[in-house]
Amino acid sequence: MEMSSSGKHVPPVHVHAKLQSTQMHYTPHNMASVAADAAASVHASSQGGQMNDAKAKTVLKEAVDAVVNSFAKHTHGHGRVNVVEALQEFWQMKLERGADLTNGALVVYESQPATTAPYVCFVSLPGGSCFGSFQICSTKAEARRSAAKIALMNSVFNEHPSRKITDEFMEKAVADAVSSFQGTPSDAENPSTGIGAFKFMLEANKGRSMLEFQELMTVFQLLHWNGSLKAMRERNCSRQEVLAHYSHRALDDDMRSQMALDWIAREQESPDIITTELEMAERDLEAARLAGRELRFFKEKRDILVLALSQINPNGETIT
């Protein structure tokens, strides 16, 4: 379960969270207890059937607050916690316990440029997952805390055993995919089919958490959105070859720049396509942020399109 901007496009301001001197008392037992409480809190908060938008926002806030309070109880012994500090130290603890964090444990905040409220802030976790302030925030500090809260809740909840990719999870996930896409059991054994590719991805990530799996899937979501997967199929690349290659490829500036170039080429064939796509990406990002969802896919789309637009329209003038 996942709990999860503006007319002019200005490069976001990056603010790095600094480690504070106050040390929290993390142990594997503590984190298991917090994760268990997180699962219980999320389950309890989500009961009650269909919800309207206002109710959903209330439930989201209650679930986030419950998990943050549980985290404070298990790590501090009391009910208050600096969520920005706690999020950084949570990931520092994971690194010290042997987590595979290629770029270290640094949590990065991006405050979206604005001169008046409401203020928006995004936070990127060491593995690449991204969350945003899910409340209406009247100050930049409040927006940062809101982003940190939702990221901390997801980070803690991700430690629960139910969030790990196991044989049982894979069996159910593949069966659900077969049912949803009206496939057959044989499709799951054929890596050239969509269901087979999904099973291949799950098997390759057995033992990882759902948050780690989502980070990897974001790359393939972007490749699909950008048309790169279709282009590779037209060059007779098999799904398995593509999956094997990009499973070990990080989403970096080179990949973003290449996708931006693809959109610049499309703009030459279909004027205003970037602006139209960017408007949709902005709406999707805003909806995902306010719903408390993991939103790296939506944010990467927006950032790639902004990059493409800046290359063909460097002065920010209206394209005609």
Protein backbone atom coordinates (compact mmCIF):
# COMPACT_ATOMS: atom_id res chain seq x y z
CA MET A 1 0.00 0.00 0.00
CA GLU A 2 1.34 3.45 -0.91
CA MET A 3 0.61 6.52 1.16
CA SER A 4 1.46 9.32 -0.33
CA SER A 5 2.66 22.72 -9.57
CA SER A 6 2.86 25.97 -11.21
CA GLY A 7 2.79 28.21 -14.29
CA LYS A 8 6.46 29.07 -14.77
CA HIS A 9 8.90 26.24 -14.73
CA VAL A 10 11.92 27.21 -12.66
CA PRO A 11 14.61 24.71 -11.61
CA PRO A 12 13.71 23.40 -8.14
CA VAL A 13 15.70 24.42 -5.10
CA HIS A 14 17.55 21.46 -3.57
CA VAL A 15 17.81 21.37 0.22
CA HIS A 16 19.80 18.54 1.78
CA ALA A 17 18.60 17.27 5.13
CA LYS A 18 21.47 17.42 7.65
CA LEU A 19 22.05 14.90 10.38
CA GLN A 20 21.31 16.34 13.78
CA SER A 21 23.22 15.62 16.96
CA THR A 22 20.26 13.95 18.68
CA GLN A 23 20.63 10.20 18.18
CA MET A 24 17.62 7.89 18.00
CA HIS A 25 17.75 4.38 19.36
CA TYR A 26 17.28 2.06 16.37
CA THR A 27 17.48 -1.70 16.65
CA PRO A 28 16.19 -4.43 14.33
CA HIS A 29 13.64 -5.26 17.03
CA ASN A 30 12.48 -1.65 17.23
CA MET A 31 12.08 -1.38 13.48
CA ALA A 32 10.13 -4.62 13.30
CA SER A 33 7.82 -3.30 16.02
CA VAL A 34 7.38 0.02 14.27
CA ALA A 35 6.65 -1.71 10.96
CA ALA A 36 4.07 -3.95 12.63
CA ASP A 37 2.41 -0.92 14.23
CA ALA A 38 2.52 0.85 10.87
CA ALA A 39 0.70 -2.01 9.18
CA ALA A 40 -1.92 -2.06 11.94
CA SER A 41 -2.37 1.72 11.77
CA VAL A 42 -2.78 1.74 8.00
CA HIS A 43 -5.23 -1.15 8.15
CA ALA A 44 -7.31 0.47 10.89
CA SER A 45 -7.37 3.86 9.19
CA SER A 46 -8.46 2.42 5.85
CA GLN A 47 -11.51 0.55 7.12
CA GLY A 48 -14.98 1.74 6.24
CA GLY A 49 -15.56 1.04 2.55
CA GLN A 50 -15.90 3.73 -0.11
CA MET A 51 -14.70 7.21 0.80
CA ASN A 52 -15.20 10.61 -0.72
CA ASP A 53 -12.22 12.88 -1.35
CA ALA A 54 -12.46 14.73 1.98
CA LYS A 55 -12.74 11.48 3.93
CA ALA A 56 -9.80 9.98 2.04
CA LYS A 57 -7.62 12.98 2.96
CA THR A 58 -8.63 12.66 6.61
CA VAL A 59 -7.87 8.95 6.64
CA LEU A 60 -4.49 9.55 5.00
CA LYS A 61 -3.54 12.17 7.62
CA GLU A 62 -4.67 9.91 10.47
CA ALA A 63 -2.66 6.98 9.11
CA VAL A 64 0.48 9.10 8.64
CA ASP A 65 0.20 10.61 12.11
CA ALA A 66 -0.36 7.18 13.67
CA VAL A 67 2.77 5.74 12.06
CA VAL A 68 4.91 8.77 12.95
CA ASN A 69 3.70 8.57 16.57
CA SER A 70 4.45 4.85 16.65
CA PHE A 71 7.92 5.55 15.29
CA ALA A 72 8.48 8.13 18.03
CA LYS A 73 7.32 5.71 20.73
CA HIS A 74 9.67 2.93 19.65
CA THR A 75 12.72 5.09 18.92
CA HIS A 76 12.42 7.92 21.43
CA GLY A 77 10.17 6.57 24.14
CA HIS A 78 7.87 9.58 23.89
CA GLY A 79 5.31 10.98 21.49
CA ARG A 80 7.18 13.77 19.66
CA VAL A 81 9.67 13.46 16.84
CA ASN A 82 11.36 15.78 14.36
CA VAL A 83 10.22 14.04 11.17
CA VAL A 84 12.88 15.62 8.93
CA GLU A 85 15.62 14.45 11.28
CA ALA A 86 13.96 11.08 11.83
CA LEU A 87 13.69 10.34 8.09
CA GLN A 88 17.39 11.06 7.54
CA GLU A 89 18.46 8.96 10.49
CA PHE A 90 16.16 6.12 9.44
CA TRP A 91 18.05 5.81 6.14
CA GLN A 92 21.40 6.29 7.83
CA MET A 93 20.51 3.37 10.07
CA LYS A 94 19.60 1.23 7.04
CA LEU A 95 22.96 2.01 5.45
CA GLU A 96 24.81 1.08 8.63
CA ARG A 97 22.89 -2.20 8.76
CA GLY A 98 24.12 -3.13 5.28
CA ALA A 99 21.40 -1.83 2.95
CA ASP A 100 22.55 -1.60 -0.67
CA LEU A 101 22.40 2.17 -1.15
CA THR A 102 24.64 2.99 -4.11
CA ASN A 103 24.55 6.74 -3.55
CA GLY A 104 24.62 6.70 0.23
CA ALA A 105 21.87 7.54 2.71
CA LEU A 106 21.27 11.19 1.87
CA VAL A 107 17.63 12.30 1.74
CA VAL A 108 17.11 15.21 -0.68
CA TYR A 109 14.36 17.82 -0.48
CA GLU A 110 13.16 19.99 -3.37
CA SER A 111 11.12 23.05 -2.44
CA GLN A 112 9.11 24.17 -5.45
CA PRO A 113 9.65 27.86 -6.24
CA ALA A 114 6.78 30.00 -4.92
CA THR A 115 6.41 33.43 -3.35
CA THR A 116 3.07 32.76 -1.65
CA ALA A 117 1.27 29.81 -0.06
CA PRO A 118 0.45 27.04 -0.60
CA TYR A 119 4.03 25.78 -0.64
CA VAL A 120 5.03 22.41 -2.10
CA CYS A 121 8.01 20.23 -1.30
CA PHE A 122 9.21 16.90 -2.70
CA VAL A 123 11.56 14.48 -1.00
CA SER A 124 13.65 11.83 -2.76
CA LEU A 125 14.77 8.80 -0.78
CA PRO A 126 18.20 7.18 -1.26
CA GLY A 127 16.79 4.38 -3.41
CA GLY A 128 15.00 6.82 -5.71
CA SER A 129 11.41 6.79 -4.45
CA CYS A 130 9.81 10.20 -4.27
CA PHE A 131 7.03 11.64 -2.11
CA GLY A 132 5.56 15.11 -1.73
CA SER A 133 3.82 17.30 0.79
CA PHE A 134 0.27 15.93 0.88
CA GLN A 135 -1.31 18.78 2.83
CA ILE A 136 -2.03 22.44 2.09
CA CYS A 137 1.03 24.10 3.62
CA SER A 138 1.29 27.77 4.58
CA THR A 139 5.10 27.79 5.02
CA LYS A 140 8.05 26.13 3.30
CA ALA A 141 9.06 24.46 6.57
CA GLU A 142 5.58 23.01 6.96
CA ALA A 143 5.72 21.67 3.38
CA ARG A 144 9.06 20.00 4.11
CA ARG A 145 7.67 18.38 7.25
CA SER A 146 4.61 17.16 5.36
CA ALA A 147 6.81 15.55 2.69
CA ALA A 148 9.04 14.01 5.36
CA LYS A 149 6.01 12.56 7.19
CA ILE A 150 4.67 10.70 4.17
CA ALA A 151 8.14 9.48 3.23
CA LEU A 152 8.86 8.30 6.77
CA MET A 153 5.56 6.43 6.94
CA ASN A 154 6.30 4.64 3.66
CA SER A 155 9.89 3.92 4.69
CA VAL A 156 8.78 2.37 7.98
CA PHE A 157 5.85 0.47 6.50
CA ASN A 158 8.18 -0.91 3.82
CA GLU A 159 10.05 -2.83 6.56
CA HIS A 160 7.00 -5.02 7.26
CA PRO A 161 7.30 -8.64 6.02
CA SER A 162 4.10 -8.23 3.99
CA ARG A 163 5.98 -5.75 1.79
CA LYS A 164 8.61 -8.28 0.69
CA ILE A 165 8.48 -10.11 -2.63
CA THR A 166 8.12 -13.77 -1.69
CA ASP A 167 7.08 -16.91 -3.58
CA GLU A 168 3.57 -16.53 -2.18
CA PHE A 169 3.38 -12.90 -3.22
CA MET A 170 4.63 -13.67 -6.74
CA GLU A 171 2.12 -16.48 -7.18
CA LYS A 172 -0.78 -14.21 -6.19
CA ALA A 173 0.50 -11.21 -8.19
CA VAL A 174 0.92 -13.26 -11.38
CA ALA A 175 -2.51 -14.87 -10.91
CA ASP A 176 -4.05 -11.41 -10.47
CA ALA A 177 -2.29 -10.22 -13.64
CA VAL A 178 -3.58 -13.21 -15.61
CA SER A 179 -7.11 -12.47 -14.40
CA SER A 180 -6.93 -8.70 -14.94
CA PHE A 181 -5.55 -8.94 -18.48
CA GLN A 182 -7.61 -12.02 -19.44
CA GLY A 183 -4.48 -14.04 -20.07
CA THR A 184 -3.75 -17.73 -19.65
CA PRO A 185 -1.39 -19.60 -17.32
CA SER A 186 0.88 -20.29 -20.27
CA ASP A 187 1.34 -16.53 -20.77
CA ALA A 188 3.12 -16.37 -17.43
CA GLU A 189 5.73 -18.86 -18.65
CA ASN A 190 6.42 -16.96 -21.86
CA PRO A 191 8.80 -14.00 -21.27
CA SER A 192 7.76 -12.48 -24.60
CA THR A 193 4.30 -11.71 -23.18
CA GLY A 194 3.52 -8.82 -20.85
CA ILE A 195 2.52 -11.20 -18.04
CA GLY A 196 5.63 -13.29 -18.58
CA ALA A 197 7.79 -10.17 -18.44
CA PHE A 198 6.07 -9.17 -15.19
CA LYS A 199 6.80 -12.58 -13.70
CA PHE A 200 10.42 -12.36 -14.86
CA MET A 201 10.75 -8.99 -13.10
CA LEU A 202 9.26 -10.33 -9.89
CA GLU A 203 11.53 -13.37 -9.87
CA ALA A 204 14.57 -11.18 -10.49
CA ASN A 205 13.62 -9.08 -7.46
CA LYS A 206 12.69 -11.85 -5.03
CA GLY A 207 13.50 -10.83 -1.48
CA ARG A 208 13.34 -7.11 -2.21
CA SER A 209 10.72 -4.80 -0.81
CA MET A 210 7.81 -3.35 -2.74
CA LEU A 211 9.35 0.12 -2.54
CA GLU A 212 12.56 -1.19 -4.12
CA PHE A 213 10.53 -2.96 -6.82
CA GLN A 214 8.56 0.22 -7.53
CA GLU A 215 11.82 2.14 -7.98
CA LEU A 216 12.87 -0.35 -10.66
CA MET A 217 9.46 -0.36 -12.33
CA THR A 218 9.60 3.43 -12.64
CA VAL A 219 12.38 3.02 -15.23
CA PHE A 220 10.20 0.75 -17.35
CA GLN A 221 7.15 2.99 -16.92
CA LEU A 222 9.19 5.88 -18.30
CA LEU A 223 10.57 3.79 -21.16
CA HIS A 224 7.02 2.80 -22.08
CA TRP A 225 5.70 6.38 -21.81
CA ASN A 226 8.61 7.69 -23.88
CA GLY A 227 8.10 5.12 -26.64
CA SER A 228 11.52 3.58 -26.06
CA LEU A 229 10.18 0.07 -25.47
CA LYS A 230 8.21 0.17 -28.72
CA ALA A 231 11.32 1.35 -30.60
CA MET A 232 13.35 -1.52 -29.15
CA ARG A 233 10.71 -4.06 -30.15
CA GLU A 234 10.83 -2.68 -33.69
CA ARG A 235 14.57 -3.37 -33.64
CA ASN A 236 13.73 -6.98 -32.75
CA CYS A 237 14.98 -6.75 -29.17
CA SER A 238 13.27 -9.37 -27.04
CA ARG A 239 11.47 -8.40 -23.84
CA GLN A 240 13.91 -10.50 -21.87
CA GLU A 241 16.90 -8.70 -23.38
CA VAL A 242 15.36 -5.31 -22.62
CA LEU A 243 14.47 -6.33 -19.07
CA ALA A 244 17.90 -7.79 -18.40
CA HIS A 245 19.60 -4.60 -19.66
CA TYR A 246 17.47 -1.99 -17.91
CA SER A 247 17.15 -3.93 -14.66
CA HIS A 248 20.72 -2.87 -13.97
CA ARG A 249 20.49 0.63 -15.46
CA ALA A 250 19.98 3.55 -13.11
CA LEU A 251 17.71 6.41 -14.06
CA ASP A 252 20.33 9.11 -14.50
CA ASP A 253 20.85 12.43 -16.29
CA ASP A 254 21.96 10.68 -19.48
CA MET A 255 18.70 8.74 -19.69
CA ARG A 256 16.65 11.87 -18.94
CA SER A 257 18.54 13.85 -21.60
CA GLN A 258 17.94 11.14 -24.20
CA MET A 259 14.22 11.09 -23.43
CA ALA A 260 14.12 14.90 -23.65
CA LEU A 261 15.73 14.68 -27.10
CA ASP A 262 13.03 12.19 -28.15
CA TRP A 263 10.34 14.71 -27.15
CA ILE A 264 12.15 17.53 -28.97
CA ALA A 265 12.05 15.38 -32.13
CA ARG A 266 8.31 14.81 -31.61
CA GLU A 267 7.79 18.55 -31.18
CA GLN A 268 9.22 19.15 -34.65
CA GLU A 269 6.65 16.76 -36.11
CA SER A 270 3.72 17.80 -33.87
CA PRO A 271 4.02 21.40 -32.62
CA ASP A 272 2.88 22.00 -29.00
CA ILE A 273 2.95 18.30 -28.12
CA ILE A 274 5.41 18.97 -25.29
CA THR A 275 3.24 21.72 -23.78
CA THR A 276 0.15 19.50 -23.99
CA GLU A 277 1.95 16.53 -22.45
CA LEU A 278 3.44 18.76 -19.76
CA GLU A 279 0.01 20.04 -18.72
CA MET A 280 -1.18 16.45 -18.28
CA ALA A 281 1.98 15.53 -16.37
CA GLU A 282 1.49 18.49 -14.01
CA ARG A 283 -2.10 17.42 -13.30
CA ASP A 284 -1.08 13.80 -12.70
CA LEU A 285 1.74 14.88 -10.37
CA GLU A 286 -0.54 17.18 -8.38
CA ALA A 287 -3.20 14.49 -7.98
CA ALA A 288 -0.63 11.87 -6.92
CA ARG A 289 1.00 14.25 -4.44
CA LEU A 290 -2.25 15.22 -2.72
CA ALA A 291 -3.29 11.55 -2.59
CA GLY A 292 -0.07 10.67 -0.78
CA ARG A 293 1.20 8.34 -3.50
CA GLU A 294 4.76 7.46 -4.48
CA LEU A 295 5.22 9.84 -7.36
CA ARG A 296 8.65 9.51 -8.94
CA PHE A 297 7.16 8.40 -12.28
CA PHE A 298 4.94 11.50 -12.45
CA LYS A 299 7.72 13.84 -11.35
CA GLU A 300 10.28 12.38 -13.75
CA LYS A 301 7.81 12.84 -16.62
CA ARG A 302 7.35 16.47 -15.70
CA ASP A 303 11.08 17.10 -15.28
CA ILE A 304 11.93 15.45 -18.63
CA LEU A 305 9.33 17.54 -20.42
CA VAL A 306 10.51 20.73 -18.69
CA LEU A 307 14.05 19.89 -19.81
CA ALA A 308 12.89 19.36 -23.40
CA LEU A 309 10.94 22.63 -23.35
CA SER A 310 13.94 24.53 -22.00
CA GLN A 311 16.08 23.25 -24.89
CA ILE A 312 13.73 24.42 -27.62
CA ASN A 313 12.47 27.47 -25.76
CA PRO A 314 15.37 28.61 -23.53
CA ASN A 315 13.92 32.07 -22.80
CA GLY A 316 10.58 30.76 -21.56
CA GLU A 317 8.64 32.40 -24.38
CA THR A 318 5.32 31.04 -25.56
CA ILE A 319 5.67 28.56 -28.42
CA THR A 320 3.60 29.52 -31.46
